[in-house]
C-alpha atoms as a PDB file:
ATOM      1  CA  MET A   1     -57.172  81.751  44.856  1.00  0.00           C
ATOM      2  CA  HIS A   2     -54.752  78.212  44.059  1.00  0.00           C
ATOM      3  CA  ASP A   3     -53.694  76.320  46.545  1.00  0.00           C
ATOM      4  CA  PRO A   4     -50.378  74.427  44.996  1.00  0.00           C
ATOM      5  CA  GLU A   5     -50.315  72.378  48.778  1.00  0.00           C
ATOM      6  CA  HIS A   6     -53.466  70.760  47.853  1.00  0.00           C
ATOM      7  CA  ASP A   7     -53.218  70.443  43.461  1.00  0.00           C
ATOM      8  CA  PRO A   8     -52.254  66.739  43.265  1.00  0.00           C
ATOM      9  CA  LYS A   9     -50.118  67.736  39.662  1.00  0.00           C
ATOM     10  CA  ALA A  10     -48.340  70.448  41.175  1.00  0.00           C
ATOM     11  CA  VAL A  11     -47.099  68.592  44.158  1.00  0.00           C
ATOM     12  CA  ALA A  12     -46.056  65.727  42.100  1.00  0.00           C
ATOM     13  CA  TYR A  13     -43.877  68.041  39.605  1.00  0.00           C
ATOM     14  CA  LEU A  14     -42.330  69.855  43.404  1.00  0.00           C
ATOM     15  CA  ARG A  15     -41.588  66.936  44.391  1.00  0.00           C
ATOM     16  CA  GLU A  16     -39.857  65.457  41.456  1.00  0.00           C
ATOM     17  CA  HIS A  17     -38.425  68.564  40.721  1.00  0.00           C
ATOM     18  CA  ALA A  18     -36.451  68.179  43.969  1.00  0.00           C
ATOM     19  CA  LYS A  19     -35.878  64.723  43.763  1.00  0.00           C
ATOM     20  CA  ARG A  20     -34.106  65.505  40.660  1.00  0.00           C
ATOM     21  CA  GLU A  21     -32.231  68.367  41.911  1.00  0.00           C
ATOM     22  CA  LEU A  22     -30.377  66.087  44.613  1.00  0.00           C
ATOM     23  CA  ARG A  23     -29.849  63.487  43.005  1.00  0.00           C
ATOM     24  CA  SER A  24     -27.478  66.486  40.957  1.00  0.00           C
ATOM     25  CA  ARG A  25     -26.223  67.384  43.762  1.00  0.00           C
ATOM     26  CA  MET A  26     -25.225  63.822  45.321  1.00  0.00           C
ATOM     27  CA  ARG A  27     -23.448  62.765  42.601  1.00  0.00           C
ATOM     28  CA  SER A  28     -21.837  66.003  42.421  1.00  0.00           C
ATOM     29  CA  VAL A  29     -20.250  65.428  46.036  1.00  0.00           C
ATOM     30  CA  ARG A  30     -19.891  61.663  45.538  1.00  0.00           C
ATOM     31  CA  THR A  31     -17.192  62.468  42.535  1.00  0.00           C
ATOM     32  CA  VAL A  32     -15.442  64.880  44.697  1.00  0.00           C
ATOM     33  CA  VAL A  33     -14.550  62.673  47.454  1.00  0.00           C
ATOM     34  CA  PRO A  34     -10.866  60.972  46.299  1.00  0.00           C
ATOM     35  CA  ALA A  35     -10.101  57.297  45.709  1.00  0.00           C
ATOM     36  CA  SER A  36      -8.710  56.393  49.180  1.00  0.00           C
ATOM     37  CA  ALA A  37     -11.452  57.976  51.240  1.00  0.00           C
ATOM     38  CA  ARG A  38     -14.349  56.606  49.020  1.00  0.00           C
ATOM     39  CA  ALA A  39     -11.894  53.015  50.043  1.00  0.00           C
ATOM     40  CA  GLN A  40     -11.855  53.902  53.582  1.00  0.00           C
ATOM     41  CA  ARG A  41     -15.581  54.827  54.231  1.00  0.00           C
ATOM     42  CA  ALA A  42     -15.892  51.855  53.150  1.00  0.00           C
ATOM     43  CA  ARG A  43     -14.132  50.007  55.283  1.00  0.00           C
ATOM     44  CA  GLY A  44     -15.975  52.082  57.358  1.00  0.00           C
ATOM     45  CA  ALA A  45     -19.538  50.613  56.676  1.00  0.00           C
ATOM     46  CA  VAL A  46     -18.672  47.110  55.997  1.00  0.00           C
ATOM     47  CA  GLN A  47     -17.695  46.949  59.401  1.00  0.00           C
ATOM     48  CA  ARG A  48     -20.430  47.852  61.232  1.00  0.00           C
ATOM     49  CA  VAL A  49     -22.875  45.418  58.640  1.00  0.00           C
ATOM     50  CA  LEU A  50     -20.647  42.888  60.361  1.00  0.00           C
ATOM     51  CA  GLU A  51     -21.476  43.712  63.763  1.00  0.00           C
ATOM     52  CA  LEU A  52     -25.370  43.886  63.027  1.00  0.00           C
ATOM     53  CA  ALA A  53     -27.793  40.633  64.289  1.00  0.00           C
ATOM     54  CA  GLU A  54     -28.969  40.341  61.115  1.00  0.00           C
ATOM     55  CA  TYR A  55     -26.609  39.432  58.639  1.00  0.00           C
ATOM     56  CA  VAL A  56     -24.313  37.390  61.325  1.00  0.00           C
ATOM     57  CA  GLY A  57     -28.260  35.469  60.614  1.00  0.00           C
ATOM     58  CA  ALA A  58     -28.420  35.619  57.150  1.00  0.00           C
ATOM     59  CA  GLN A  59     -27.972  32.407  54.751  1.00  0.00           C
ATOM     60  CA  THR A  60     -28.518  34.521  51.872  1.00  0.00           C
ATOM     61  CA  ILE A  61     -27.695  37.771  51.066  1.00  0.00           C
ATOM     62  CA  VAL A  62     -28.336  40.075  48.045  1.00  0.00           C
ATOM     63  CA  GLY A  63     -26.011  42.783  47.451  1.00  0.00           C
ATOM     64  CA  PHE A  64     -25.302  45.081  44.270  1.00  0.00           C
ATOM     65  CA  SER A  65     -21.982  46.354  42.069  1.00  0.00           C
ATOM     66  CA  ALA A  66     -20.671  49.334  42.834  1.00  0.00           C
ATOM     67  CA  ILE A  67     -21.078  51.893  40.385  1.00  0.00           C
ATOM     68  CA  GLN A  68     -20.039  55.769  40.220  1.00  0.00           C
ATOM     69  CA  LYS A  69     -17.783  56.263  42.920  1.00  0.00           C
ATOM     70  CA  GLU A  70     -21.055  54.716  45.130  1.00  0.00           C
ATOM     71  CA  ILE A  71     -19.619  53.168  48.725  1.00  0.00           C
ATOM     72  CA  ASP A  72     -18.684  49.634  47.548  1.00  0.00           C
ATOM     73  CA  PRO A  73     -19.550  46.783  49.580  1.00  0.00           C
ATOM     74  CA  ALA A  74     -17.378  43.906  47.335  1.00  0.00           C
ATOM     75  CA  GLU A  75     -15.102  43.404  50.951  1.00  0.00           C
ATOM     76  CA  LEU A  76     -18.478  42.638  52.894  1.00  0.00           C
ATOM     77  CA  LEU A  77     -19.866  40.169  49.607  1.00  0.00           C
ATOM     78  CA  ALA A  78     -16.162  38.607  49.188  1.00  0.00           C
ATOM     79  CA  GLY A  79     -16.099  37.862  53.536  1.00  0.00           C
ATOM     80  CA  ALA A  80     -19.947  36.780  52.995  1.00  0.00           C
ATOM     81  CA  ARG A  81     -18.947  33.786  50.538  1.00  0.00           C
ATOM     82  CA  ALA A  82     -15.880  32.533  52.642  1.00  0.00           C
ATOM     83  CA  SER A  83     -17.609  32.195  55.948  1.00  0.00           C
ATOM     84  CA  GLY A  84     -20.396  30.093  53.452  1.00  0.00           C
ATOM     85  CA  LYS A  85     -23.082  32.542  52.849  1.00  0.00           C
ATOM     86  CA  ARG A  86     -25.293  32.278  49.766  1.00  0.00           C
ATOM     87  CA  VAL A  87     -24.656  35.460  48.040  1.00  0.00           C
ATOM     88  CA  GLY A  88     -26.708  37.158  44.771  1.00  0.00           C
ATOM     89  CA  LEU A  89     -26.724  40.264  42.757  1.00  0.00           C
ATOM     90  CA  PRO A  90     -29.018  41.852  40.515  1.00  0.00           C
ATOM     91  CA  ARG A  91     -29.637  41.535  36.998  1.00  0.00           C
ATOM     92  CA  VAL A  92     -30.858  44.070  34.591  1.00  0.00           C
ATOM     93  CA  VAL A  93     -33.577  41.789  33.016  1.00  0.00           C
ATOM     94  CA  ASP A  94     -36.198  44.076  31.060  1.00  0.00           C
ATOM     95  CA  ASP A  95     -37.379  46.947  33.513  1.00  0.00           C
ATOM     96  CA  LEU A  96     -36.903  44.343  36.096  1.00  0.00           C
ATOM     97  CA  LEU A  97     -34.313  43.027  38.499  1.00  0.00           C
ATOM     98  CA  ALA A  98     -33.554  38.666  38.722  1.00  0.00           C
ATOM     99  CA  LEU A  99     -31.098  37.812  41.441  1.00  0.00           C
ATOM    100  CA  HIS A 100     -28.422  35.490  41.114  1.00  0.00           C
ATOM    101  CA  GLU A 101     -25.178  33.973  42.449  1.00  0.00           C
ATOM    102  CA  PHE A 102     -22.906  35.325  42.970  1.00  0.00           C
ATOM    103  CA  ARG A 103     -19.714  33.399  43.113  1.00  0.00           C
ATOM    104  CA  ASP A 104     -16.470  34.719  41.768  1.00  0.00           C
ATOM    105  CA  VAL A 105     -15.520  38.551  40.344  1.00  0.00           C
ATOM    106  CA  SER A 106     -14.313  36.685  37.673  1.00  0.00           C
ATOM    107  CA  GLU A 107     -17.548  35.388  36.560  1.00  0.00           C
ATOM    108  CA  LEU A 108     -19.321  38.522  36.056  1.00  0.00           C
ATOM    109  CA  GLU A 109     -19.950  40.475  32.520  1.00  0.00           C
ATOM    110  CA  GLU A 110     -20.873  43.673  32.198  1.00  0.00           C
ATOM    111  CA  GLY A 111     -24.835  44.905  32.174  1.00  0.00           C
ATOM    112  CA  SER A 112     -26.995  47.385  29.910  1.00  0.00           C
ATOM    113  CA  PHE A 113     -26.220  50.319  32.091  1.00  0.00           C
ATOM    114  CA  GLY A 114     -22.866  48.883  32.754  1.00  0.00           C
ATOM    115  CA  VAL A 115     -22.950  47.758  36.046  1.00  0.00           C
ATOM    116  CA  LEU A 116     -21.201  43.909  36.868  1.00  0.00           C
ATOM    117  CA  GLU A 117     -23.726  41.393  36.735  1.00  0.00           C
ATOM    118  CA  PRO A 118     -24.013  37.398  37.125  1.00  0.00           C
ATOM    119  CA  ALA A 119     -23.966  35.510  33.662  1.00  0.00           C
ATOM    120  CA  ALA A 120     -27.755  34.614  32.875  1.00  0.00           C
ATOM    121  CA  SER A 121     -26.638  31.153  33.924  1.00  0.00           C
ATOM    122  CA  ALA A 122     -25.539  31.860  37.514  1.00  0.00           C
ATOM    123  CA  PRO A 123     -27.867  29.657  39.362  1.00  0.00           C
ATOM    124  CA  VAL A 124     -31.175  31.726  40.320  1.00  0.00           C
ATOM    125  CA  ILE A 125     -32.153  33.331  43.903  1.00  0.00           C
ATOM    126  CA  ALA A 126     -36.184  33.671  44.340  1.00  0.00           C
ATOM    127  CA  PRO A 127     -36.671  37.668  46.425  1.00  0.00           C
ATOM    128  CA  ALA A 128     -38.424  35.550  48.844  1.00  0.00           C
ATOM    129  CA  GLU A 129     -35.378  33.243  49.729  1.00  0.00           C
ATOM    130  CA  VAL A 130     -33.073  36.485  50.670  1.00  0.00           C
ATOM    131  CA  ASP A 131     -32.662  37.416  54.391  1.00  0.00           C
ATOM    132  CA  LEU A 132     -30.541  40.500  53.751  1.00  0.00           C
ATOM    133  CA  VAL A 133     -30.564  43.086  51.495  1.00  0.00           C
ATOM    134  CA  ILE A 134     -27.734  45.763  50.761  1.00  0.00           C
ATOM    135  CA  VAL A 135     -29.163  48.913  48.948  1.00  0.00           C
ATOM    136  CA  PRO A 136     -27.449  50.839  47.226  1.00  0.00           C
ATOM    137  CA  GLY A 137     -29.445  54.311  46.653  1.00  0.00           C
ATOM    138  CA  LEU A 138     -28.577  57.995  45.933  1.00  0.00           C
ATOM    139  CA  ALA A 139     -29.658  59.546  50.106  1.00  0.00           C
ATOM    140  CA  PHE A 140     -31.559  58.102  52.674  1.00  0.00           C
ATOM    141  CA  ASP A 141     -33.555  60.143  54.629  1.00  0.00           C
ATOM    142  CA  ALA A 142     -34.028  59.157  59.203  1.00  0.00           C
ATOM    143  CA  ARG A 143     -37.765  57.362  58.150  1.00  0.00           C
ATOM    144  CA  GLY A 144     -35.392  54.258  55.701  1.00  0.00           C
ATOM    145  CA  HIS A 145     -36.398  56.091  52.427  1.00  0.00           C
ATOM    146  CA  ARG A 146     -34.246  55.686  49.971  1.00  0.00           C
ATOM    147  CA  LEU A 147     -33.586  58.285  46.534  1.00  0.00           C
ATOM    148  CA  GLY A 148     -32.589  55.640  43.806  1.00  0.00           C
ATOM    149  CA  TYR A 149     -31.233  56.714  40.664  1.00  0.00           C
ATOM    150  CA  GLY A 150     -35.278  57.189  38.799  1.00  0.00           C
ATOM    151  CA  ARG A 151     -35.288  53.211  36.797  1.00  0.00           C
ATOM    152  CA  ALA A 152     -37.706  52.404  40.385  1.00  0.00           C
ATOM    153  CA  PHE A 153     -36.323  48.999  40.008  1.00  0.00           C
ATOM    154  CA  TYR A 154     -34.981  48.300  43.452  1.00  0.00           C
ATOM    155  CA  ASP A 155     -39.690  49.597  44.497  1.00  0.00           C
ATOM    156  CA  ARG A 156     -39.898  46.646  41.880  1.00  0.00           C
ATOM    157  CA  LEU A 157     -37.876  43.935  43.909  1.00  0.00           C
ATOM    158  CA  LEU A 158     -38.570  44.910  47.101  1.00  0.00           C
ATOM    159  CA  PRO A 159     -41.791  43.815  47.825  1.00  0.00           C
ATOM    160  CA  GLY A 160     -40.888  39.892  47.171  1.00  0.00           C
ATOM    161  CA  MET A 161     -38.961  40.064  49.677  1.00  0.00           C
ATOM    162  CA  THR A 162     -41.021  38.531  51.982  1.00  0.00           C
ATOM    163  CA  LYS A 163     -38.694  37.556  54.586  1.00  0.00           C
ATOM    164  CA  ALA A 164     -35.387  40.256  53.977  1.00  0.00           C
ATOM    165  CA  PHE A 165     -33.844  43.257  56.186  1.00  0.00           C
ATOM    166  CA  ARG A 166     -33.603  46.088  53.777  1.00  0.00           C
ATOM    167  CA  LEU A 167     -30.295  47.835  54.490  1.00  0.00           C
ATOM    168  CA  GLY A 168     -29.339  50.925  52.980  1.00  0.00           C
ATOM    169  CA  PHE A 169     -25.686  51.306  52.462  1.00  0.00           C
ATOM    170  CA  ALA A 170     -23.921  54.949  51.810  1.00  0.00           C
ATOM    171  CA  TYR A 171     -21.780  57.260  52.580  1.00  0.00           C
ATOM    172  CA  ASP A 172     -22.740  59.506  55.284  1.00  0.00           C
ATOM    173  CA  PHE A 173     -22.999  62.436  53.458  1.00  0.00           C
ATOM    174  CA  GLN A 174     -25.820  60.870  51.697  1.00  0.00           C
ATOM    175  CA  PHE A 175     -27.840  60.548  54.855  1.00  0.00           C
ATOM    176  CA  VAL A 176     -30.537  63.172  55.162  1.00  0.00           C
ATOM    177  CA  MET A 177     -33.072  64.213  57.637  1.00  0.00           C
ATOM    178  CA  GLU A 178     -36.343  63.698  55.007  1.00  0.00           C
ATOM    179  CA  LEU A 179     -36.682  62.507  51.431  1.00  0.00           C
ATOM    180  CA  PRO A 180     -40.121  63.834  49.363  1.00  0.00           C
ATOM    181  CA  ASN A 181     -40.750  60.000  49.029  1.00  0.00           C
ATOM    182  CA  ASP A 182     -44.542  58.658  47.505  1.00  0.00           C
ATOM    183  CA  THR A 183     -47.346  56.048  48.724  1.00  0.00           C
ATOM    184  CA  HIS A 184     -45.299  52.904  46.636  1.00  0.00           C
ATOM    185  CA  ASP A 185     -42.232  53.347  48.168  1.00  0.00           C
ATOM    186  CA  ILE A 186     -40.906  50.860  50.493  1.00  0.00           C
ATOM    187  CA  PRO A 187     -38.685  52.376  53.204  1.00  0.00           C
ATOM    188  CA  MET A 188     -35.174  50.614  53.943  1.00  0.00           C
ATOM    189  CA  HIS A 189     -35.676  48.729  58.141  1.00  0.00           C
ATOM    190  CA  ALA A 190     -31.441  50.205  58.495  1.00  0.00           C
ATOM    191  CA  VAL A 191     -29.292  52.115  57.046  1.00  0.00           C
ATOM    192  CA  ALA A 192     -25.027  51.411  57.257  1.00  0.00           C
ATOM    193  CA  THR A 193     -23.298  54.085  56.524  1.00  0.00           C
ATOM    194  CA  ASP A 194     -19.108  55.111  57.116  1.00  0.00           C
ATOM    195  CA  LEU A 195     -20.350  56.197  60.383  1.00  0.00           C
ATOM    196  CA  ARG A 196     -23.228  54.825  61.590  1.00  0.00           C
ATOM    197  CA  VAL A 197     -25.978  51.957  61.655  1.00  0.00           C
ATOM    198  CA  LEU A 198     -29.565  54.297  61.397  1.00  0.00           C
ATOM    199  CA  ARG A 199     -32.908  51.766  62.768  1.00  0.00           C
ATOM    200  CA  VAL A 200     -35.972  52.966  61.214  1.00  0.00           C
END
């Protein structure tokens, strides 16, 4: 009798199907959150990050530009720059993320996926120099696993961040008990939401 639990192809198919379903559900929920509530929730998440020892001690921080009604770390990154920290943002180069310094919103340009990115001429940050990386996602779980958008950009970026504290940044409703994960997935050290910080 065929047992799908012991068929690697069947397991892989079910895992990808579950990921697609969850991506769709999380996008739908995020879409209906009013702008005022998104801003309030972002402030709550930012405040929790500011209290972390890993943020206080970080000299180089990499964040992200929010898209598709993601929780927005812009206030956090602005505060980090104002306090003298070096702040970076990713830039898509082929199928990889390159890290560049971010000094002012006016210097950003729209990238290939509609994401605001630093210009190619902005100073480069080596992944190994990053102390804290703020990571977006569609969902996170109690083990620190992350559900991204399916392009694996962060799966390729994070291994090079050898000393970085990996911090997921999301609305609290994006936290789930368990996500389907692959062996190459790199978990977060913690997840900051508008309601709490969950350390793995």
